[in-house]
C-alpha atoms as a PDB file:
ATOM      1  CA  LEU A   1     106.711  88.595 113.457  1.00  0.00           C
ATOM      2  CA  GLY A   2     105.552  92.130 113.756  1.00  0.00           C
ATOM      3  CA  ASN A   3     102.799  93.417 111.490  1.00  0.00           C
ATOM      4  CA  VAL A   4     101.624  89.971 110.300  1.00  0.00           C
ATOM      5  CA  LYS A   5      98.403  88.200 111.344  1.00  0.00           C
ATOM      6  CA  ASP A   6      98.866  84.959 109.354  1.00  0.00           C
ATOM      7  CA  ILE A   7     101.680  82.442 109.822  1.00  0.00           C
ATOM      8  CA  ILE A   8     102.633  79.120 108.241  1.00  0.00           C
ATOM      9  CA  PHE A   9     104.870  76.581 109.976  1.00  0.00           C
ATOM     10  CA  GLU A  10     106.610  73.898 107.926  1.00  0.00           C
ATOM     11  CA  PHE A  11     108.297  70.965 109.645  1.00  0.00           C
ATOM     12  CA  VAL A  12     109.781  67.516 109.011  1.00  0.00           C
ATOM     13  CA  GLY A  13     110.997  64.775 111.303  1.00  0.00           C
ATOM     14  CA  LYS A  14     113.256  61.723 111.180  1.00  0.00           C
ATOM     15  CA  ASN A  15     113.341  58.638 113.363  1.00  0.00           C
ATOM     16  CA  GLY A  16     116.775  57.321 112.488  1.00  0.00           C
ATOM     17  CA  ILE A  17     116.600  57.091 108.692  1.00  0.00           C
ATOM     18  CA  MET A  18     112.793  56.859 108.557  1.00  0.00           C
ATOM     19  CA  ASP A  19     110.617  59.910 107.948  1.00  0.00           C
ATOM     20  CA  ILE A  20     108.129  60.735 110.684  1.00  0.00           C
ATOM     21  CA  THR A  21     104.680  61.032 109.116  1.00  0.00           C
ATOM     22  CA  ASN A  22     102.522  61.657 112.201  1.00  0.00           C
ATOM     23  CA  PHE A  23     102.717  64.905 114.151  1.00  0.00           C
ATOM     24  CA  LYS A  24     100.899  66.722 116.932  1.00  0.00           C
ATOM     25  CA  CYS A  25     100.761  70.516 117.024  1.00  0.00           C
ATOM     26  CA  GLY A  26      99.501  73.149 119.387  1.00  0.00           C
ATOM     27  CA  LEU A  27      99.259  76.904 119.561  1.00  0.00           C
ATOM     28  CA  ASP A  28      99.035  78.156 123.141  1.00  0.00           C
ATOM     29  CA  VAL A  29      97.113  75.059 124.222  1.00  0.00           C
ATOM     30  CA  ALA A  30      97.947  72.408 126.782  1.00  0.00           C
ATOM     31  CA  ALA A  31      96.754  69.520 124.586  1.00  0.00           C
ATOM     32  CA  SER A  32      98.156  69.192 121.065  1.00  0.00           C
ATOM     33  CA  THR A  33      96.183  67.663 118.200  1.00  0.00           C
ATOM     34  CA  SER A  34      97.049  65.705 115.080  1.00  0.00           C
ATOM     35  CA  CYS A  35      98.499  67.932 112.347  1.00  0.00           C
ATOM     36  CA  SER A  36     100.517  67.944 109.155  1.00  0.00           C
ATOM     37  CA  SER A  37     103.014  70.264 107.509  1.00  0.00           C
ATOM     38  CA  PRO A  38     102.451  73.004 106.559  1.00  0.00           C
ATOM     39  CA  GLN A  39     100.404  74.170 109.548  1.00  0.00           C
ATOM     40  CA  ASN A  40      98.521  77.421 108.929  1.00  0.00           C
ATOM     41  CA  PHE A  41      97.206  79.923 111.452  1.00  0.00           C
ATOM     42  CA  ALA A  42      95.220  82.890 110.139  1.00  0.00           C
ATOM     43  CA  ASN A  43      93.901  86.161 111.514  1.00  0.00           C
ATOM     44  CA  LEU A  44      95.809  85.970 114.799  1.00  0.00           C
ATOM     45  CA  THR A  45      95.194  88.717 117.343  1.00  0.00           C
ATOM     46  CA  ASP A  46      97.968  90.867 118.812  1.00  0.00           C
ATOM     47  CA  LYS A  47      99.796  88.943 121.546  1.00  0.00           C
ATOM     48  CA  SER A  48     102.587  86.468 122.190  1.00  0.00           C
ATOM     49  CA  TYR A  49     102.128  82.881 120.931  1.00  0.00           C
ATOM     50  CA  THR A  50     104.007  79.608 121.262  1.00  0.00           C
ATOM     51  CA  PHE A  51     103.718  76.999 118.499  1.00  0.00           C
ATOM     52  CA  THR A  52     104.652  73.444 119.511  1.00  0.00           C
ATOM     53  CA  VAL A  53     105.145  70.382 117.316  1.00  0.00           C
ATOM     54  CA  LYS A  54     106.161  66.818 118.157  1.00  0.00           C
ATOM     55  CA  GLY A  55     106.580  63.685 116.098  1.00  0.00           C
ATOM     56  CA  VAL A  56     104.649  60.495 116.858  1.00  0.00           C
ATOM     57  CA  ASN A  57     105.909  57.076 115.782  1.00  0.00           C
ATOM     58  CA  ASP A  58     103.776  54.071 114.774  1.00  0.00           C
ATOM     59  CA  LEU A  59     103.676  52.881 118.415  1.00  0.00           C
ATOM     60  CA  GLY A  60     102.259  56.222 119.561  1.00  0.00           C
ATOM     61  CA  ILE A  61     105.484  57.321 121.263  1.00  0.00           C
ATOM     62  CA  GLU A  62     105.895  61.106 121.072  1.00  0.00           C
ATOM     63  CA  SER A  63     109.156  62.967 120.530  1.00  0.00           C
ATOM     64  CA  THR A  64     110.363  65.817 122.674  1.00  0.00           C
ATOM     65  CA  PRO A  65     108.272  68.863 121.706  1.00  0.00           C
ATOM     66  CA  GLN A  66     109.918  71.589 119.642  1.00  0.00           C
ATOM     67  CA  SER A  67     108.553  75.085 120.094  1.00  0.00           C
ATOM     68  CA  TYR A  68     108.795  78.553 118.640  1.00  0.00           C
ATOM     69  CA  THR A  69     107.548  81.685 120.408  1.00  0.00           C
ATOM     70  CA  PHE A  70     106.564  84.753 118.410  1.00  0.00           C
ATOM     71  CA  ILE A  71     104.646  88.021 118.823  1.00  0.00           C
ATOM     72  CA  VAL A  72     101.926  89.370 116.563  1.00  0.00           C
ATOM     73  CA  ASP A  73     102.002  93.164 116.838  1.00  0.00           C
ATOM     74  CA  THR A  74      99.957  95.129 114.314  1.00  0.00           C
ATOM     75  CA  VAL A  75      99.640  98.325 116.369  1.00  0.00           C
ATOM     76  CA  ALA A  76     102.310 100.982 115.827  1.00  0.00           C
ATOM     77  CA  PRO A  77     104.064 102.428 118.877  1.00  0.00           C
ATOM     78  CA  VAL A  78     102.947 105.837 120.132  1.00  0.00           C
ATOM     79  CA  VAL A  79     105.683 108.468 120.368  1.00  0.00           C
ATOM     80  CA  ARG A  80     105.153 112.020 121.556  1.00  0.00           C
ATOM     81  CA  ILE A  81     107.192 114.990 122.645  1.00  0.00           C
ATOM     82  CA  SER A  82     106.117 115.543 126.247  1.00  0.00           C
ATOM     83  CA  SER A  83     108.084 118.735 126.878  1.00  0.00           C
ATOM     84  CA  SER A  84     110.216 121.113 124.835  1.00  0.00           C
ATOM     85  CA  PRO A  85     111.267 124.747 124.871  1.00  0.00           C
ATOM     86  CA  SER A  86     108.920 127.181 123.212  1.00  0.00           C
ATOM     87  CA  GLY A  87     109.590 130.243 121.155  1.00  0.00           C
ATOM     88  CA  ARG A  88     113.027 131.284 119.968  1.00  0.00           C
ATOM     89  CA  ILE A  89     115.891 129.452 121.688  1.00  0.00           C
ATOM     90  CA  THR A  90     118.904 131.664 122.390  1.00  0.00           C
ATOM     91  CA  SER A  91     121.015 129.235 124.438  1.00  0.00           C
ATOM     92  CA  GLN A  92     123.287 126.528 123.018  1.00  0.00           C
ATOM     93  CA  THR A  93     121.457 123.757 124.901  1.00  0.00           C
ATOM     94  CA  ALA A  94     117.833 122.717 125.055  1.00  0.00           C
ATOM     95  CA  SER A  95     115.999 119.822 126.689  1.00  0.00           C
ATOM     96  CA  ILE A  96     113.335 117.812 124.903  1.00  0.00           C
ATOM     97  CA  SER A  97     111.476 114.955 126.613  1.00  0.00           C
ATOM     98  CA  ILE A  98     110.063 112.124 124.542  1.00  0.00           C
ATOM     99  CA  GLU A  99     107.606 109.432 125.633  1.00  0.00           C
ATOM    100  CA  ALA A 100     107.235 106.164 123.740  1.00  0.00           C
ATOM    101  CA  LYS A 101     104.680 103.432 124.456  1.00  0.00           C
ATOM    102  CA  ASP A 102     103.980 100.070 122.872  1.00  0.00           C
ATOM    103  CA  LEU A 103     102.036  97.024 124.061  1.00  0.00           C
ATOM    104  CA  ASN A 104     105.156  94.865 123.604  1.00  0.00           C
ATOM    105  CA  GLY A 105     107.652  97.363 124.980  1.00  0.00           C
ATOM    106  CA  ILE A 106     110.077  99.775 123.328  1.00  0.00           C
ATOM    107  CA  ASN A 107     113.611  98.658 122.464  1.00  0.00           C
ATOM    108  CA  SER A 108     114.895 102.045 121.369  1.00  0.00           C
ATOM    109  CA  VAL A 109     113.868 105.492 120.200  1.00  0.00           C
ATOM    110  CA  GLU A 110     115.759 107.366 117.490  1.00  0.00           C
ATOM    111  CA  CYS A 111     115.652 111.129 117.168  1.00  0.00           C
ATOM    112  CA  SER A 112     117.077 113.551 114.658  1.00  0.00           C
ATOM    113  CA  LEU A 113     117.461 117.287 114.494  1.00  0.00           C
ATOM    114  CA  ASN A 114     117.589 119.196 111.253  1.00  0.00           C
END
């Protein structure tokens, strides 16, 4: 999800041709509770979450849970130049070291030279 602290899940279910009207939902909890669509979660803290929903028929039999895992990450990565040449550069090559840190890891770093 990235820089978002609120999320809404919408879901529907069918039992053959009949609509499922009873659901159980959970967010990072072992026991799910009765819920309905849409399911709102607000002001989430930065971390990984797993939302789970399952349908429940009139006899109380639960479907196989369906889940979606997402990450809330509202803190920008930190990038810094850790070493570089100083002064006027007279050679055709130069080395620059870059460090990048993020709580959820770094996929890639892009650099440009103008």
